[in-house]
Amino acid sequence: MLLMFDTIAKRYGKLPSEVLRTADSFDIMIMDVALTYEKYQSDKAHGRPTVKTEDFSQDELKSIMEKSKSGRKSRQQTST
């Protein structure tokens, strides 16, 4: 949490105590979005993967869903 105040203070040229007194959760959200976007831009510029995704086939997704359903049913049966 303290690093967030420091990061906001550096970005806007404020003392951390000023940020602590006046900042709110919206400021922290904006800082998070800005830093995430900066990292995205840096990764893109350096040819690093920007998004980690896995592509699943329709059959794999159905299998995962069925396993989840059967696991939930077995947990419900053992808890009753």
C-alpha atoms as a PDB file:
ATOM      1  CA  MET A   1       0.000   0.000   0.000  1.00  0.00           C
ATOM      2  CA  LEU A   2       2.796   2.402   0.832  1.00  0.00           C
ATOM      3  CA  LEU A   3       4.404   1.785  -2.543  1.00  0.00           C
ATOM      4  CA  MET A   4       1.159   2.856  -4.212  1.00  0.00           C
ATOM      5  CA  PHE A   5       1.291   6.190  -2.395  1.00  0.00           C
ATOM      6  CA  ASP A   6       4.938   6.590  -3.378  1.00  0.00           C
ATOM      7  CA  THR A   7       4.168   5.798  -7.015  1.00  0.00           C
ATOM      8  CA  ILE A   8       1.292   8.281  -7.140  1.00  0.00           C
ATOM      9  CA  ALA A   9       3.429  10.919  -5.410  1.00  0.00           C
ATOM     10  CA  LYS A  10       6.282  10.489  -7.897  1.00  0.00           C
ATOM     11  CA  ARG A  11       3.936  10.637 -10.880  1.00  0.00           C
ATOM     12  CA  TYR A  12       2.293  13.879  -9.741  1.00  0.00           C
ATOM     13  CA  GLY A  13       5.187  15.554  -7.931  1.00  0.00           C
ATOM     14  CA  LYS A  14       3.564  15.396  -4.516  1.00  0.00           C
ATOM     15  CA  LEU A  15       4.808  14.334  -1.126  1.00  0.00           C
ATOM     16  CA  PRO A  16       3.541  10.916  -0.032  1.00  0.00           C
ATOM     17  CA  SER A  17       1.901  12.593   2.975  1.00  0.00           C
ATOM     18  CA  GLU A  18      -0.079  14.836   0.593  1.00  0.00           C
ATOM     19  CA  VAL A  19      -1.219  11.806  -1.346  1.00  0.00           C
ATOM     20  CA  LEU A  20      -2.165  10.019   1.869  1.00  0.00           C
ATOM     21  CA  ARG A  21      -4.289  13.002   2.920  1.00  0.00           C
ATOM     22  CA  THR A  22      -6.026  13.635  -0.391  1.00  0.00           C
ATOM     23  CA  ALA A  23      -5.992  10.511  -2.575  1.00  0.00           C
ATOM     24  CA  ASP A  24      -8.879   8.086  -2.762  1.00  0.00           C
ATOM     25  CA  SER A  25      -9.518   4.664  -4.266  1.00  0.00           C
ATOM     26  CA  PHE A  26     -10.157   6.202  -7.702  1.00  0.00           C
ATOM     27  CA  ASP A  27      -6.600   7.585  -7.724  1.00  0.00           C
ATOM     28  CA  ILE A  28      -5.245   4.146  -6.863  1.00  0.00           C
ATOM     29  CA  MET A  29      -7.322   2.557  -9.635  1.00  0.00           C
ATOM     30  CA  ILE A  30      -6.028   5.105 -12.177  1.00  0.00           C
ATOM     31  CA  MET A  31      -2.445   4.428 -11.052  1.00  0.00           C
ATOM     32  CA  ASP A  32      -2.967   0.684 -11.499  1.00  0.00           C
ATOM     33  CA  VAL A  33      -4.436   1.106 -14.984  1.00  0.00           C
ATOM     34  CA  ALA A  34      -1.661   3.511 -16.028  1.00  0.00           C
ATOM     35  CA  LEU A  35       1.118   1.200 -14.809  1.00  0.00           C
ATOM     36  CA  THR A  36      -0.495  -1.832 -16.441  1.00  0.00           C
ATOM     37  CA  TYR A  37      -0.781   0.042 -19.727  1.00  0.00           C
ATOM     38  CA  GLU A  38       2.850   1.219 -19.508  1.00  0.00           C
ATOM     39  CA  LYS A  39       3.970  -2.381 -18.951  1.00  0.00           C
ATOM     40  CA  TYR A  40       1.846  -3.515 -21.891  1.00  0.00           C
ATOM     41  CA  GLN A  41       3.436  -0.880 -24.144  1.00  0.00           C
ATOM     42  CA  SER A  42       6.929  -1.813 -22.960  1.00  0.00           C
ATOM     43  CA  ASP A  43       6.317  -5.541 -23.499  1.00  0.00           C
ATOM     44  CA  LYS A  44       4.906  -4.844 -26.961  1.00  0.00           C
ATOM     45  CA  ALA A  45       7.905  -2.666 -27.907  1.00  0.00           C
ATOM     46  CA  HIS A  46      10.353  -5.356 -26.762  1.00  0.00           C
ATOM     47  CA  GLY A  47       8.555  -8.207 -28.519  1.00  0.00           C
ATOM     48  CA  ARG A  48       7.461  -9.921 -25.295  1.00  0.00           C
ATOM     49  CA  PRO A  49       4.035 -11.565 -25.085  1.00  0.00           C
ATOM     50  CA  THR A  50       1.470  -8.981 -24.055  1.00  0.00           C
ATOM     51  CA  VAL A  51      -1.415 -11.292 -23.197  1.00  0.00           C
ATOM     52  CA  LYS A  52      -1.223 -14.792 -21.798  1.00  0.00           C
ATOM     53  CA  THR A  53      -4.044 -16.874 -23.172  1.00  0.00           C
ATOM     54  CA  GLU A  54      -4.725 -20.497 -23.788  1.00  0.00           C
ATOM     55  CA  ASP A  55      -6.860 -21.589 -26.678  1.00  0.00           C
ATOM     56  CA  PHE A  56      -9.177 -24.442 -25.793  1.00  0.00           C
ATOM     57  CA  SER A  57     -11.217 -26.439 -28.261  1.00  0.00           C
ATOM     58  CA  GLN A  58     -14.954 -26.773 -27.764  1.00  0.00           C
ATOM     59  CA  ASP A  59     -14.476 -30.382 -26.619  1.00  0.00           C
ATOM     60  CA  GLU A  60     -11.825 -29.371 -24.048  1.00  0.00           C
ATOM     61  CA  LEU A  61     -14.137 -26.690 -22.643  1.00  0.00           C
ATOM     62  CA  LYS A  62     -17.004 -29.191 -22.379  1.00  0.00           C
ATOM     63  CA  SER A  63     -14.715 -31.654 -20.586  1.00  0.00           C
ATOM     64  CA  ILE A  64     -13.569 -28.994 -18.115  1.00  0.00           C
ATOM     65  CA  MET A  65     -17.182 -27.992 -17.445  1.00  0.00           C
ATOM     66  CA  GLU A  66     -18.260 -31.605 -16.863  1.00  0.00           C
ATOM     67  CA  LYS A  67     -15.358 -32.226 -14.471  1.00  0.00           C
ATOM     68  CA  SER A  68     -16.317 -29.105 -12.559  1.00  0.00           C
ATOM     69  CA  LYS A  69     -19.971 -30.161 -12.361  1.00  0.00           C
ATOM     70  CA  SER A  70     -19.150 -33.704 -11.237  1.00  0.00           C
ATOM     71  CA  GLY A  71     -16.689 -32.403  -8.630  1.00  0.00           C
ATOM     72  CA  ARG A  72     -19.310 -30.035  -7.256  1.00  0.00           C
ATOM     73  CA  LYS A  73     -21.909 -32.814  -7.076  1.00  0.00           C
ATOM     74  CA  SER A  74     -19.534 -35.165  -5.248  1.00  0.00           C
ATOM     75  CA  ARG A  75     -18.627 -32.442  -2.724  1.00  0.00           C
ATOM     76  CA  GLN A  76     -22.321 -31.747  -2.103  1.00  0.00           C
ATOM     77  CA  GLN A  77     -23.059 -35.430  -1.580  1.00  0.00           C
ATOM     78  CA  THR A  78     -20.207 -35.879   0.919  1.00  0.00           C
ATOM     79  CA  SER A  79     -21.177 -32.783   2.892  1.00  0.00           C
ATOM     80  CA  THR A  80     -24.828 -33.850   3.390  1.00  0.00           C
END
